[in-house]
Amino acid sequence: MNLEDLIRETKPLYISVNQEEMTKNVFKAIRNQTQCTRKYKSSWLKRCGVVASITVLAMGGTFASGFVSPAIASMLSQIPLINTAYNLLENPALSPKGVRQAVTQGFDIKVNQVSSNNGITLTINNAYCAPNEFAFDMVASFSSNVTESPIIRTSDMQISINGTRKLYNLDGGTFEPTADGKYAGIVHFDAHNMQPYSLLPNQFNLEVSITKIGNITGQWNFIVPLSSKDVKNATKVFEPMITKTFNSITFTVQKVMVAPSEIEIDCELKQPLTIIDASTPHLKQLAAYDQAGNRLSGGIVTISKAQRNGNSNIIKITAKYTPPTEPLSNLTVKADGGLNGLSIPFAMQYSQ
């Protein structure tokens, strides 16, 4: 059965459903239709990811109505599920690329904590902690007397550092069905997503509290000790202070931090008050390349407000990138700006 036939078969079955209810029914149908236990592989995802995504979207109404045709069931049996026997922080379907690379290098933290209430058991097995970010996995399982299997969401969690500094703007948290009838996902926090920005403590207790999952209320609590010591020891910091000037605009690379899960570049833009929009950075993008000329994924994450200094405005810029899989021996930074329609290229290099 090809994709066109699948869409043609499901089209008459569309019904209007609540998105969360549809997702829950999709996951339930998938779990009922397959016992696949193979681990995700990137090549497998490339082959079936598009088909699986379209299949789930096309069949939302079908699952909500409780009907699954034999042809659709056959398609579902080919969709791999998350296998919780593996470290979920290494799973390309769940975990950010930088975190995955760091964990495969041995920078993960074993947690192995369990919290159970009202027939739902939550487990945190693994975590990762760096000065700018942390991540942890979570698996939800259900006892036989639970009438529903609600999907846990990041918005269900109250997360704080040492019980005082509450965190928000967490990403990840997309919990997927597992091969053994559970849900599994990753919760990730990037300090740049929270203002005012500040580094995470070197050591702290990450407190996770959940009082409601779906329509089920209860108490699920974790206190996870985290430390970025090993990651910091493996992090290299450079202060190249490389400067380029074009049409009175000065761009400076002040600091570069190369960590197992990220490359962070701190820059400064100095613009004379006489130019148009002097308080707005005349910078379109900031790109980084490794020694092989491969462009690294990422870009600008924060831009400060302009601060006047004499006859100029000073603007601080921070960019973040995912490290290459090969050891980084040379980094090239290119900043492209625009002034009155002109393209302003800056290129600077430094080696470790």
C-alpha atoms as a PDB file:
ATOM      1  CA  MET A   1       0.000   0.000   0.000  1.00  0.00           C
ATOM      2  CA  ASN A   2       1.597   3.280  -1.066  1.00  0.00           C
ATOM      3  CA  LEU A   3       1.180   6.689   0.555  1.00  0.00           C
ATOM      4  CA  GLU A   4      -1.393   7.930  -1.967  1.00  0.00           C
ATOM      5  CA  ASP A   5      -3.566   4.861  -1.344  1.00  0.00           C
ATOM      6  CA  LEU A   6      -3.239   5.380   2.404  1.00  0.00           C
ATOM      7  CA  ILE A   7      -4.365   9.009   2.205  1.00  0.00           C
ATOM      8  CA  ARG A   8      -7.202   8.080  -0.170  1.00  0.00           C
ATOM      9  CA  GLU A   9      -8.449   5.438   2.267  1.00  0.00           C
ATOM     10  CA  THR A  10      -8.311   7.678   5.327  1.00  0.00           C
ATOM     11  CA  LYS A  11      -9.724  10.835   3.750  1.00  0.00           C
ATOM     12  CA  PRO A  12     -13.424   9.874   4.130  1.00  0.00           C
ATOM     13  CA  LEU A  13     -12.818   9.093   7.803  1.00  0.00           C
ATOM     14  CA  TYR A  14     -11.753  12.584   8.902  1.00  0.00           C
ATOM     15  CA  ILE A  15     -13.637  13.973  11.880  1.00  0.00           C
ATOM     16  CA  SER A  16     -13.097  17.074  13.980  1.00  0.00           C
ATOM     17  CA  VAL A  17     -11.303  16.186  17.215  1.00  0.00           C
ATOM     18  CA  ASN A  18      -9.452  17.912  20.003  1.00  0.00           C
ATOM     19  CA  GLN A  19      -5.729  17.863  19.174  1.00  0.00           C
ATOM     20  CA  GLU A  20      -4.637  16.482  22.546  1.00  0.00           C
ATOM     21  CA  GLU A  21      -7.339  13.805  22.435  1.00  0.00           C
ATOM     22  CA  MET A  22      -6.308  12.918  18.888  1.00  0.00           C
ATOM     23  CA  THR A  23      -2.657  12.567  19.909  1.00  0.00           C
ATOM     24  CA  LYS A  24      -3.586  10.332  22.834  1.00  0.00           C
ATOM     25  CA  ASN A  25      -5.664   8.073  20.590  1.00  0.00           C
ATOM     26  CA  VAL A  26      -2.948   7.968  17.943  1.00  0.00           C
ATOM     27  CA  PHE A  27      -0.400   6.788  20.514  1.00  0.00           C
ATOM     28  CA  LYS A  28      -2.871   4.267  21.933  1.00  0.00           C
ATOM     29  CA  ALA A  29      -3.567   2.807  18.506  1.00  0.00           C
ATOM     30  CA  ILE A  30       0.131   2.613  17.696  1.00  0.00           C
ATOM     31  CA  ARG A  31       0.867   0.791  20.938  1.00  0.00           C
ATOM     32  CA  ASN A  32      -1.940  -1.671  20.254  1.00  0.00           C
ATOM     33  CA  GLN A  33      -0.803  -2.364  16.705  1.00  0.00           C
ATOM     34  CA  THR A  34       2.918  -3.032  17.114  1.00  0.00           C
ATOM     35  CA  GLN A  35       5.402  -4.667  19.419  1.00  0.00           C
ATOM     36  CA  CYS A  36       8.430  -3.326  17.593  1.00  0.00           C
ATOM     37  CA  THR A  37      11.481  -3.184  19.856  1.00  0.00           C
ATOM     38  CA  ARG A  38      14.248  -2.043  17.560  1.00  0.00           C
ATOM     39  CA  LYS A  39      16.129   1.101  18.496  1.00  0.00           C
ATOM     40  CA  TYR A  40      15.786   4.221  16.358  1.00  0.00           C
ATOM     41  CA  LYS A  41      18.450   4.598  13.708  1.00  0.00           C
ATOM     42  CA  SER A  42      18.959   7.812  11.788  1.00  0.00           C
ATOM     43  CA  SER A  43      18.800   6.026   8.436  1.00  0.00           C
ATOM     44  CA  TRP A  44      15.504   4.390   9.431  1.00  0.00           C
ATOM     45  CA  LEU A  45      14.103   7.767  10.465  1.00  0.00           C
ATOM     46  CA  LYS A  46      15.040   9.259   7.114  1.00  0.00           C
ATOM     47  CA  ARG A  47      13.237   6.476   5.278  1.00  0.00           C
ATOM     48  CA  CYS A  48      10.043   6.355   7.281  1.00  0.00           C
ATOM     49  CA  GLY A  49       9.843   9.697   9.118  1.00  0.00           C
ATOM     50  CA  VAL A  50       7.870  11.562   6.457  1.00  0.00           C
ATOM     51  CA  VAL A  51       5.505   8.665   5.848  1.00  0.00           C
ATOM     52  CA  ALA A  52       4.973   8.127   9.573  1.00  0.00           C
ATOM     53  CA  SER A  53       4.266  11.826  10.184  1.00  0.00           C
ATOM     54  CA  ILE A  54       1.762  12.078   7.339  1.00  0.00           C
ATOM     55  CA  THR A  55       0.208   8.785   8.424  1.00  0.00           C
ATOM     56  CA  VAL A  56      -0.362  10.032  11.978  1.00  0.00           C
ATOM     57  CA  LEU A  57      -1.821  13.340  10.782  1.00  0.00           C
ATOM     58  CA  ALA A  58      -4.031  11.722   8.201  1.00  0.00           C
ATOM     59  CA  MET A  59      -5.364   9.129  10.613  1.00  0.00           C
ATOM     60  CA  GLY A  60      -6.105  11.367  13.606  1.00  0.00           C
ATOM     61  CA  GLY A  61      -9.837  11.177  13.027  1.00  0.00           C
ATOM     62  CA  THR A  62      -9.655   7.465  12.289  1.00  0.00           C
ATOM     63  CA  PHE A  63      -8.094   6.646  15.656  1.00  0.00           C
ATOM     64  CA  ALA A  64     -10.431   9.003  17.485  1.00  0.00           C
ATOM     65  CA  SER A  65     -13.371   7.090  16.069  1.00  0.00           C
ATOM     66  CA  GLY A  66     -11.817   3.809  17.233  1.00  0.00           C
ATOM     67  CA  PHE A  67     -11.459   2.245  13.755  1.00  0.00           C
ATOM     68  CA  VAL A  68      -8.175   1.019  12.297  1.00  0.00           C
ATOM     69  CA  SER A  69      -8.302  -0.670   8.906  1.00  0.00           C
ATOM     70  CA  PRO A  70      -6.100  -3.721   8.186  1.00  0.00           C
ATOM     71  CA  ALA A  71      -4.094  -1.725   5.638  1.00  0.00           C
ATOM     72  CA  ILE A  72      -3.433   1.050   8.143  1.00  0.00           C
ATOM     73  CA  ALA A  73      -2.577  -1.478  10.842  1.00  0.00           C
ATOM     74  CA  SER A  74      -0.023  -2.977   8.475  1.00  0.00           C
ATOM     75  CA  MET A  75       1.547   0.440   7.960  1.00  0.00           C
ATOM     76  CA  LEU A  76       1.604   1.066  11.712  1.00  0.00           C
ATOM     77  CA  SER A  77       3.406  -2.196  12.350  1.00  0.00           C
ATOM     78  CA  GLN A  78       6.372  -0.792  10.414  1.00  0.00           C
ATOM     79  CA  ILE A  79       6.709   2.365  12.558  1.00  0.00           C
ATOM     80  CA  PRO A  80       9.450   1.896  15.212  1.00  0.00           C
ATOM     81  CA  LEU A  81       8.708   2.830  18.817  1.00  0.00           C
ATOM     82  CA  ILE A  82      11.028   4.183  21.492  1.00  0.00           C
ATOM     83  CA  ASN A  83      12.984   1.462  23.282  1.00  0.00           C
ATOM     84  CA  THR A  84      13.570   2.405  26.923  1.00  0.00           C
ATOM     85  CA  ALA A  85      16.340  -0.183  27.311  1.00  0.00           C
ATOM     86  CA  TYR A  86      18.687   2.420  25.822  1.00  0.00           C
ATOM     87  CA  ASN A  87      19.807   5.790  27.188  1.00  0.00           C
ATOM     88  CA  LEU A  88      17.105   8.141  25.907  1.00  0.00           C
ATOM     89  CA  LEU A  89      19.541  11.067  25.895  1.00  0.00           C
ATOM     90  CA  GLU A  90      21.243   9.317  22.964  1.00  0.00           C
ATOM     91  CA  ASN A  91      17.999   8.938  21.013  1.00  0.00           C
ATOM     92  CA  PRO A  92      17.976  11.117  17.854  1.00  0.00           C
ATOM     93  CA  ALA A  93      14.176  11.214  17.885  1.00  0.00           C
ATOM     94  CA  LEU A  94      14.081  12.843  21.327  1.00  0.00           C
ATOM     95  CA  SER A  95      17.356  14.451  22.374  1.00  0.00           C
ATOM     96  CA  PRO A  96      19.062  17.636  21.057  1.00  0.00           C
ATOM     97  CA  LYS A  97      22.066  16.863  18.872  1.00  0.00           C
ATOM     98  CA  GLY A  98      24.604  18.580  21.122  1.00  0.00           C
ATOM     99  CA  VAL A  99      23.372  16.707  24.193  1.00  0.00           C
ATOM    100  CA  ARG A 100      23.482  13.414  22.269  1.00  0.00           C
ATOM    101  CA  GLN A 101      27.089  14.005  21.261  1.00  0.00           C
ATOM    102  CA  ALA A 102      28.126  14.838  24.821  1.00  0.00           C
ATOM    103  CA  VAL A 103      26.344  11.803  26.260  1.00  0.00           C
ATOM    104  CA  THR A 104      27.950   9.439  23.751  1.00  0.00           C
ATOM    105  CA  GLN A 105      31.307  10.796  24.986  1.00  0.00           C
ATOM    106  CA  GLY A 106      30.408   9.710  28.523  1.00  0.00           C
ATOM    107  CA  PHE A 107      29.206  12.987  30.056  1.00  0.00           C
ATOM    108  CA  ASP A 108      25.821  11.665  31.194  1.00  0.00           C
ATOM    109  CA  ILE A 109      24.790  11.407  34.859  1.00  0.00           C
ATOM    110  CA  LYS A 110      23.036   8.289  36.146  1.00  0.00           C
ATOM    111  CA  VAL A 111      19.952   9.212  38.185  1.00  0.00           C
ATOM    112  CA  ASN A 112      17.707   6.126  38.467  1.00  0.00           C
ATOM    113  CA  GLN A 113      14.933   7.741  40.522  1.00  0.00           C
ATOM    114  CA  VAL A 114      11.307   6.582  40.627  1.00  0.00           C
ATOM    115  CA  SER A 115       8.119   8.303  41.818  1.00  0.00           C
ATOM    116  CA  SER A 116       4.729   6.521  41.864  1.00  0.00           C
ATOM    117  CA  ASN A 117       1.222   7.728  42.660  1.00  0.00           C
ATOM    118  CA  ASN A 118      -2.324   6.764  41.651  1.00  0.00           C
ATOM    119  CA  GLY A 119      -1.220   4.029  39.264  1.00  0.00           C
ATOM    120  CA  ILE A 120       1.305   6.144  37.335  1.00  0.00           C
ATOM    121  CA  THR A 121       5.047   5.619  37.781  1.00  0.00           C
ATOM    122  CA  LEU A 122       7.539   8.198  36.544  1.00  0.00           C
ATOM    123  CA  THR A 123      11.214   7.316  36.186  1.00  0.00           C
ATOM    124  CA  ILE A 124      14.248   9.531  35.559  1.00  0.00           C
ATOM    125  CA  ASN A 125      17.217   7.388  34.550  1.00  0.00           C
ATOM    126  CA  ASN A 126      19.722   9.752  32.931  1.00  0.00           C
ATOM    127  CA  ALA A 127      20.666  13.423  32.976  1.00  0.00           C
ATOM    128  CA  TYR A 128      23.188  15.799  31.437  1.00  0.00           C
ATOM    129  CA  CYS A 129      24.420  19.070  32.918  1.00  0.00           C
ATOM    130  CA  ALA A 130      26.571  21.857  31.469  1.00  0.00           C
ATOM    131  CA  PRO A 131      27.077  25.485  32.558  1.00  0.00           C
ATOM    132  CA  ASN A 132      24.399  26.675  30.108  1.00  0.00           C
ATOM    133  CA  GLU A 133      21.997  23.743  29.895  1.00  0.00           C
ATOM    134  CA  PHE A 134      20.709  20.522  31.351  1.00  0.00           C
ATOM    135  CA  ALA A 135      18.567  17.660  30.112  1.00  0.00           C
ATOM    136  CA  PHE A 136      16.965  14.606  31.655  1.00  0.00           C
ATOM    137  CA  ASP A 137      14.854  11.744  30.409  1.00  0.00           C
ATOM    138  CA  MET A 138      11.534  10.607  31.833  1.00  0.00           C
ATOM    139  CA  VAL A 139       9.493   7.445  31.347  1.00  0.00           C
ATOM    140  CA  ALA A 140       5.822   7.146  32.353  1.00  0.00           C
ATOM    141  CA  SER A 141       4.356   3.680  32.986  1.00  0.00           C
ATOM    142  CA  PHE A 142       0.874   2.686  34.098  1.00  0.00           C
ATOM    143  CA  SER A 143      -0.536  -0.008  36.378  1.00  0.00           C
ATOM    144  CA  SER A 144      -3.239  -2.349  35.099  1.00  0.00           C
ATOM    145  CA  ASN A 145      -5.975  -0.642  37.143  1.00  0.00           C
ATOM    146  CA  VAL A 146      -5.457   2.758  35.477  1.00  0.00           C
ATOM    147  CA  THR A 147      -8.343   3.346  33.069  1.00  0.00           C
ATOM    148  CA  GLU A 148      -6.473   5.875  30.937  1.00  0.00           C
ATOM    149  CA  SER A 149      -2.858   6.478  29.948  1.00  0.00           C
ATOM    150  CA  PRO A 150      -2.497  10.274  29.781  1.00  0.00           C
ATOM    151  CA  ILE A 151       0.474  11.811  28.009  1.00  0.00           C
ATOM    152  CA  ILE A 152       2.691  13.820  30.325  1.00  0.00           C
ATOM    153  CA  ARG A 153       3.699  17.281  29.105  1.00  0.00           C
ATOM    154  CA  THR A 154       6.463  19.693  30.034  1.00  0.00           C
ATOM    155  CA  SER A 155       3.766  22.168  31.079  1.00  0.00           C
ATOM    156  CA  ASP A 156       2.716  19.669  33.779  1.00  0.00           C
ATOM    157  CA  MET A 157       6.089  20.076  35.502  1.00  0.00           C
ATOM    158  CA  GLN A 158       7.243  22.636  38.036  1.00  0.00           C
ATOM    159  CA  ILE A 159      11.036  22.706  37.877  1.00  0.00           C
ATOM    160  CA  SER A 160      13.382  24.714  40.072  1.00  0.00           C
ATOM    161  CA  ILE A 161      17.018  24.936  41.121  1.00  0.00           C
ATOM    162  CA  ASN A 162      17.511  24.204  44.819  1.00  0.00           C
ATOM    163  CA  GLY A 163      13.802  24.851  45.327  1.00  0.00           C
ATOM    164  CA  THR A 164      14.166  28.617  44.837  1.00  0.00           C
ATOM    165  CA  ARG A 165      14.984  29.539  41.246  1.00  0.00           C
ATOM    166  CA  LYS A 166      11.983  28.526  39.162  1.00  0.00           C
ATOM    167  CA  LEU A 167      12.663  27.706  35.528  1.00  0.00           C
ATOM    168  CA  TYR A 168      10.496  28.250  32.472  1.00  0.00           C
ATOM    169  CA  ASN A 169      10.835  28.126  28.676  1.00  0.00           C
ATOM    170  CA  LEU A 170      11.908  24.497  28.763  1.00  0.00           C
ATOM    171  CA  ASP A 171      11.988  22.654  25.462  1.00  0.00           C
ATOM    172  CA  GLY A 172      11.756  18.990  24.573  1.00  0.00           C
ATOM    173  CA  GLY A 173       9.032  17.279  26.544  1.00  0.00           C
ATOM    174  CA  THR A 174       7.474  15.594  23.514  1.00  0.00           C
ATOM    175  CA  PHE A 175       6.658  12.208  25.000  1.00  0.00           C
ATOM    176  CA  GLU A 176       6.453   9.341  22.531  1.00  0.00           C
ATOM    177  CA  PRO A 177       4.999   5.812  22.838  1.00  0.00           C
ATOM    178  CA  THR A 178       7.461   3.078  23.751  1.00  0.00           C
ATOM    179  CA  ALA A 179       7.746  -0.522  22.663  1.00  0.00           C
ATOM    180  CA  ASP A 180       6.527  -1.720  26.077  1.00  0.00           C
ATOM    181  CA  GLY A 181       3.379   0.410  26.369  1.00  0.00           C
ATOM    182  CA  LYS A 182       4.827   3.450  28.156  1.00  0.00           C
ATOM    183  CA  TYR A 183       5.598   7.042  27.228  1.00  0.00           C
ATOM    184  CA  ALA A 184       9.142   8.406  27.110  1.00  0.00           C
ATOM    185  CA  GLY A 185      10.609  11.833  26.504  1.00  0.00           C
ATOM    186  CA  ILE A 186      13.363  14.357  27.154  1.00  0.00           C
ATOM    187  CA  VAL A 187      13.154  17.633  29.090  1.00  0.00           C
ATOM    188  CA  HIS A 188      15.800  20.193  28.093  1.00  0.00           C
ATOM    189  CA  PHE A 189      16.619  23.645  29.462  1.00  0.00           C
ATOM    190  CA  ASP A 190      18.854  26.247  27.805  1.00  0.00           C
ATOM    191  CA  ALA A 191      19.797  29.152  30.077  1.00  0.00           C
ATOM    192  CA  HIS A 192      19.697  31.534  27.098  1.00  0.00           C
ATOM    193  CA  ASN A 193      15.933  31.015  26.861  1.00  0.00           C
ATOM    194  CA  MET A 194      15.348  32.598  30.273  1.00  0.00           C
ATOM    195  CA  GLN A 195      15.793  36.289  31.010  1.00  0.00           C
ATOM    196  CA  PRO A 196      17.746  37.648  32.704  1.00  0.00           C
ATOM    197  CA  TYR A 197      20.352  35.183  31.497  1.00  0.00           C
ATOM    198  CA  SER A 198      22.631  33.572  34.063  1.00  0.00           C
ATOM    199  CA  LEU A 199      24.794  30.482  34.173  1.00  0.00           C
ATOM    200  CA  LEU A 200      23.640  27.424  36.065  1.00  0.00           C
ATOM    201  CA  PRO A 201      25.389  26.723  39.393  1.00  0.00           C
ATOM    202  CA  ASN A 202      28.323  24.320  39.288  1.00  0.00           C
ATOM    203  CA  GLN A 203      26.363  21.960  41.544  1.00  0.00           C
ATOM    204  CA  PHE A 204      22.679  22.078  42.425  1.00  0.00           C
ATOM    205  CA  ASN A 205      19.579  20.040  43.160  1.00  0.00           C
ATOM    206  CA  LEU A 206      17.118  20.021  40.296  1.00  0.00           C
ATOM    207  CA  GLU A 207      13.669  19.745  41.854  1.00  0.00           C
ATOM    208  CA  VAL A 208      10.887  18.390  39.646  1.00  0.00           C
ATOM    209  CA  SER A 209       7.304  18.403  40.912  1.00  0.00           C
ATOM    210  CA  ILE A 210       4.183  17.190  39.098  1.00  0.00           C
ATOM    211  CA  THR A 211       0.670  17.357  40.554  1.00  0.00           C
ATOM    212  CA  LYS A 212      -1.468  16.442  37.552  1.00  0.00           C
ATOM    213  CA  ILE A 213      -1.041  14.221  34.493  1.00  0.00           C
ATOM    214  CA  GLY A 214      -3.981  14.458  32.131  1.00  0.00           C
ATOM    215  CA  ASN A 215      -7.038  14.199  34.386  1.00  0.00           C
ATOM    216  CA  ILE A 216      -5.205  12.262  37.107  1.00  0.00           C
ATOM    217  CA  THR A 217      -4.062  14.268  40.136  1.00  0.00           C
ATOM    218  CA  GLY A 218      -1.315  13.155  42.487  1.00  0.00           C
ATOM    219  CA  GLN A 219       2.185  13.893  43.719  1.00  0.00           C
ATOM    220  CA  TRP A 220       5.271  12.939  41.710  1.00  0.00           C
ATOM    221  CA  ASN A 221       8.455  14.535  43.042  1.00  0.00           C
ATOM    222  CA  PHE A 222      12.150  14.255  42.231  1.00  0.00           C
ATOM    223  CA  ILE A 223      15.275  15.848  43.675  1.00  0.00           C
ATOM    224  CA  VAL A 224      18.060  15.227  41.168  1.00  0.00           C
ATOM    225  CA  PRO A 225      21.628  16.240  42.130  1.00  0.00           C
ATOM    226  CA  LEU A 226      23.401  17.681  39.086  1.00  0.00           C
ATOM    227  CA  SER A 227      26.958  18.853  38.520  1.00  0.00           C
ATOM    228  CA  SER A 228      28.657  20.398  35.499  1.00  0.00           C
ATOM    229  CA  LYS A 229      32.155  19.699  36.857  1.00  0.00           C
ATOM    230  CA  ASP A 230      33.129  17.068  34.269  1.00  0.00           C
ATOM    231  CA  VAL A 231      31.755  19.137  31.391  1.00  0.00           C
ATOM    232  CA  LYS A 232      33.549  22.278  32.611  1.00  0.00           C
ATOM    233  CA  ASN A 233      36.820  20.362  32.865  1.00  0.00           C
ATOM    234  CA  ALA A 234      36.411  19.352  29.212  1.00  0.00           C
ATOM    235  CA  THR A 235      35.461  22.881  28.091  1.00  0.00           C
ATOM    236  CA  LYS A 236      37.985  25.147  26.378  1.00  0.00           C
ATOM    237  CA  VAL A 237      37.648  28.932  26.516  1.00  0.00           C
ATOM    238  CA  PHE A 238      39.460  31.311  24.170  1.00  0.00           C
ATOM    239  CA  GLU A 239      39.548  35.102  24.031  1.00  0.00           C
ATOM    240  CA  PRO A 240      40.717  35.828  20.481  1.00  0.00           C
ATOM    241  CA  MET A 241      39.652  39.524  20.535  1.00  0.00           C
ATOM    242  CA  ILE A 242      39.712  39.548  16.734  1.00  0.00           C
ATOM    243  CA  THR A 243      38.347  42.789  15.275  1.00  0.00           C
ATOM    244  CA  LYS A 244      37.202  43.824  11.809  1.00  0.00           C
ATOM    245  CA  THR A 245      35.961  47.278  10.799  1.00  0.00           C
ATOM    246  CA  PHE A 246      33.855  48.176   7.774  1.00  0.00           C
ATOM    247  CA  ASN A 247      32.188  51.525   7.079  1.00  0.00           C
ATOM    248  CA  SER A 248      32.776  52.660  10.678  1.00  0.00           C
ATOM    249  CA  ILE A 249      31.144  49.509  12.112  1.00  0.00           C
ATOM    250  CA  THR A 250      33.496  47.438  14.268  1.00  0.00           C
ATOM    251  CA  PHE A 251      32.809  43.770  14.938  1.00  0.00           C
ATOM    252  CA  THR A 252      34.811  41.916  17.593  1.00  0.00           C
ATOM    253  CA  VAL A 253      34.885  38.241  18.571  1.00  0.00           C
ATOM    254  CA  GLN A 254      35.579  38.515  22.291  1.00  0.00           C
ATOM    255  CA  LYS A 255      35.232  34.976  23.626  1.00  0.00           C
ATOM    256  CA  VAL A 256      34.716  31.471  22.283  1.00  0.00           C
ATOM    257  CA  MET A 257      33.695  28.570  24.518  1.00  0.00           C
ATOM    258  CA  VAL A 258      33.931  25.033  23.139  1.00  0.00           C
ATOM    259  CA  ALA A 259      32.070  22.534  25.343  1.00  0.00           C
ATOM    260  CA  PRO A 260      31.032  18.908  24.690  1.00  0.00           C
ATOM    261  CA  SER A 261      27.460  19.918  23.762  1.00  0.00           C
ATOM    262  CA  GLU A 262      27.841  23.470  22.452  1.00  0.00           C
ATOM    263  CA  ILE A 263      30.064  26.162  21.013  1.00  0.00           C
ATOM    264  CA  GLU A 264      29.266  29.619  22.336  1.00  0.00           C
ATOM    265  CA  ILE A 265      30.629  32.793  20.753  1.00  0.00           C
ATOM    266  CA  ASP A 266      30.414  36.200  22.458  1.00  0.00           C
ATOM    267  CA  CYS A 267      30.756  39.199  20.153  1.00  0.00           C
ATOM    268  CA  GLU A 268      30.543  42.968  20.280  1.00  0.00           C
ATOM    269  CA  LEU A 269      29.201  45.322  17.638  1.00  0.00           C
ATOM    270  CA  LYS A 270      30.296  48.969  17.828  1.00  0.00           C
ATOM    271  CA  GLN A 271      28.234  51.318  15.686  1.00  0.00           C
ATOM    272  CA  PRO A 272      28.636  55.124  15.390  1.00  0.00           C
ATOM    273  CA  LEU A 273      25.618  57.189  16.396  1.00  0.00           C
ATOM    274  CA  THR A 274      25.686  58.856  12.971  1.00  0.00           C
ATOM    275  CA  ILE A 275      24.506  55.757  11.064  1.00  0.00           C
ATOM    276  CA  ILE A 276      20.858  54.971  10.411  1.00  0.00           C
ATOM    277  CA  ASP A 277      19.212  52.986  13.240  1.00  0.00           C
ATOM    278  CA  ALA A 278      22.352  53.150  15.346  1.00  0.00           C
ATOM    279  CA  SER A 279      20.620  51.296  18.204  1.00  0.00           C
ATOM    280  CA  THR A 280      19.749  48.332  15.947  1.00  0.00           C
ATOM    281  CA  PRO A 281      22.515  45.824  15.168  1.00  0.00           C
ATOM    282  CA  HIS A 282      23.494  45.974  11.508  1.00  0.00           C
ATOM    283  CA  LEU A 283      23.978  42.237  11.462  1.00  0.00           C
ATOM    284  CA  LYS A 284      21.845  39.721   9.595  1.00  0.00           C
ATOM    285  CA  GLN A 285      23.479  36.489  10.650  1.00  0.00           C
ATOM    286  CA  LEU A 286      26.497  34.989  12.358  1.00  0.00           C
ATOM    287  CA  ALA A 287      27.739  31.715  10.891  1.00  0.00           C
ATOM    288  CA  ALA A 288      30.405  29.313  12.144  1.00  0.00           C
ATOM    289  CA  TYR A 289      32.353  26.706  10.163  1.00  0.00           C
ATOM    290  CA  ASP A 290      34.641  23.857  11.200  1.00  0.00           C
ATOM    291  CA  GLN A 291      38.072  23.039   9.768  1.00  0.00           C
ATOM    292  CA  ALA A 292      36.481  21.142   6.864  1.00  0.00           C
ATOM    293  CA  GLY A 293      34.340  24.125   5.876  1.00  0.00           C
ATOM    294  CA  ASN A 294      31.113  22.587   7.183  1.00  0.00           C
ATOM    295  CA  ARG A 295      28.642  25.119   8.509  1.00  0.00           C
ATOM    296  CA  LEU A 296      27.643  24.357  12.092  1.00  0.00           C
ATOM    297  CA  SER A 297      23.981  24.332  13.050  1.00  0.00           C
ATOM    298  CA  GLY A 298      22.914  27.214  15.261  1.00  0.00           C
ATOM    299  CA  GLY A 299      23.155  30.986  15.252  1.00  0.00           C
ATOM    300  CA  ILE A 300      22.441  34.109  17.293  1.00  0.00           C
ATOM    301  CA  VAL A 301      20.596  33.439  20.559  1.00  0.00           C
ATOM    302  CA  THR A 302      20.764  36.780  22.400  1.00  0.00           C
ATOM    303  CA  ILE A 303      21.242  40.444  21.433  1.00  0.00           C
ATOM    304  CA  SER A 304      21.624  43.044  24.162  1.00  0.00           C
ATOM    305  CA  LYS A 305      20.145  46.515  24.152  1.00  0.00           C
ATOM    306  CA  ALA A 306      22.445  49.162  22.723  1.00  0.00           C
ATOM    307  CA  GLN A 307      24.583  50.916  25.328  1.00  0.00           C
ATOM    308  CA  ARG A 308      25.927  54.351  24.452  1.00  0.00           C
ATOM    309  CA  ASN A 309      29.682  54.798  24.781  1.00  0.00           C
ATOM    310  CA  GLY A 310      30.866  58.220  23.636  1.00  0.00           C
ATOM    311  CA  ASN A 311      29.877  58.658  19.991  1.00  0.00           C
ATOM    312  CA  SER A 312      29.018  54.979  19.494  1.00  0.00           C
ATOM    313  CA  ASN A 313      26.497  52.348  20.514  1.00  0.00           C
ATOM    314  CA  ILE A 314      27.806  49.044  21.885  1.00  0.00           C
ATOM    315  CA  ILE A 315      25.705  45.919  21.283  1.00  0.00           C
ATOM    316  CA  LYS A 316      26.575  42.522  22.779  1.00  0.00           C
ATOM    317  CA  ILE A 317      25.738  39.416  20.727  1.00  0.00           C
ATOM    318  CA  THR A 318      25.883  35.750  21.738  1.00  0.00           C
ATOM    319  CA  ALA A 319      25.643  32.871  19.277  1.00  0.00           C
ATOM    320  CA  LYS A 320      25.406  29.158  20.007  1.00  0.00           C
ATOM    321  CA  TYR A 321      26.267  26.208  17.749  1.00  0.00           C
ATOM    322  CA  THR A 322      26.329  22.422  17.871  1.00  0.00           C
ATOM    323  CA  PRO A 323      29.920  21.102  17.796  1.00  0.00           C
ATOM    324  CA  PRO A 324      30.983  18.957  14.833  1.00  0.00           C
ATOM    325  CA  THR A 325      31.213  15.221  15.352  1.00  0.00           C
ATOM    326  CA  GLU A 326      34.949  15.350  14.614  1.00  0.00           C
ATOM    327  CA  PRO A 327      37.271  17.115  17.108  1.00  0.00           C
ATOM    328  CA  LEU A 328      37.357  20.840  16.400  1.00  0.00           C
ATOM    329  CA  SER A 329      40.807  22.081  15.402  1.00  0.00           C
ATOM    330  CA  ASN A 330      39.883  25.297  13.615  1.00  0.00           C
ATOM    331  CA  LEU A 331      36.855  27.579  13.754  1.00  0.00           C
ATOM    332  CA  THR A 332      35.857  30.229  11.235  1.00  0.00           C
ATOM    333  CA  VAL A 333      33.286  32.878  12.126  1.00  0.00           C
ATOM    334  CA  LYS A 334      31.560  34.902   9.425  1.00  0.00           C
ATOM    335  CA  ALA A 335      29.329  37.848  10.203  1.00  0.00           C
ATOM    336  CA  ASP A 336      27.180  39.335   7.459  1.00  0.00           C
ATOM    337  CA  GLY A 337      25.661  42.738   8.091  1.00  0.00           C
ATOM    338  CA  GLY A 338      23.738  45.265   6.080  1.00  0.00           C
ATOM    339  CA  LEU A 339      24.096  49.045   5.899  1.00  0.00           C
ATOM    340  CA  ASN A 340      22.093  50.926   3.270  1.00  0.00           C
ATOM    341  CA  GLY A 341      21.740  47.718   1.275  1.00  0.00           C
ATOM    342  CA  LEU A 342      25.429  46.820   1.413  1.00  0.00           C
ATOM    343  CA  SER A 343      26.638  43.392   2.471  1.00  0.00           C
ATOM    344  CA  ILE A 344      29.364  43.539   5.101  1.00  0.00           C
ATOM    345  CA  PRO A 345      31.314  40.280   5.338  1.00  0.00           C
ATOM    346  CA  PHE A 346      33.622  39.613   8.274  1.00  0.00           C
ATOM    347  CA  ALA A 347      35.751  36.490   8.360  1.00  0.00           C
ATOM    348  CA  MET A 348      38.024  35.590  11.236  1.00  0.00           C
ATOM    349  CA  GLN A 349      39.802  32.427  12.197  1.00  0.00           C
ATOM    350  CA  TYR A 350      41.518  31.014  15.220  1.00  0.00           C
ATOM    351  CA  SER A 351      42.900  27.595  16.053  1.00  0.00           C
ATOM    352  CA  GLN A 352      42.816  25.771  19.362  1.00  0.00           C
END
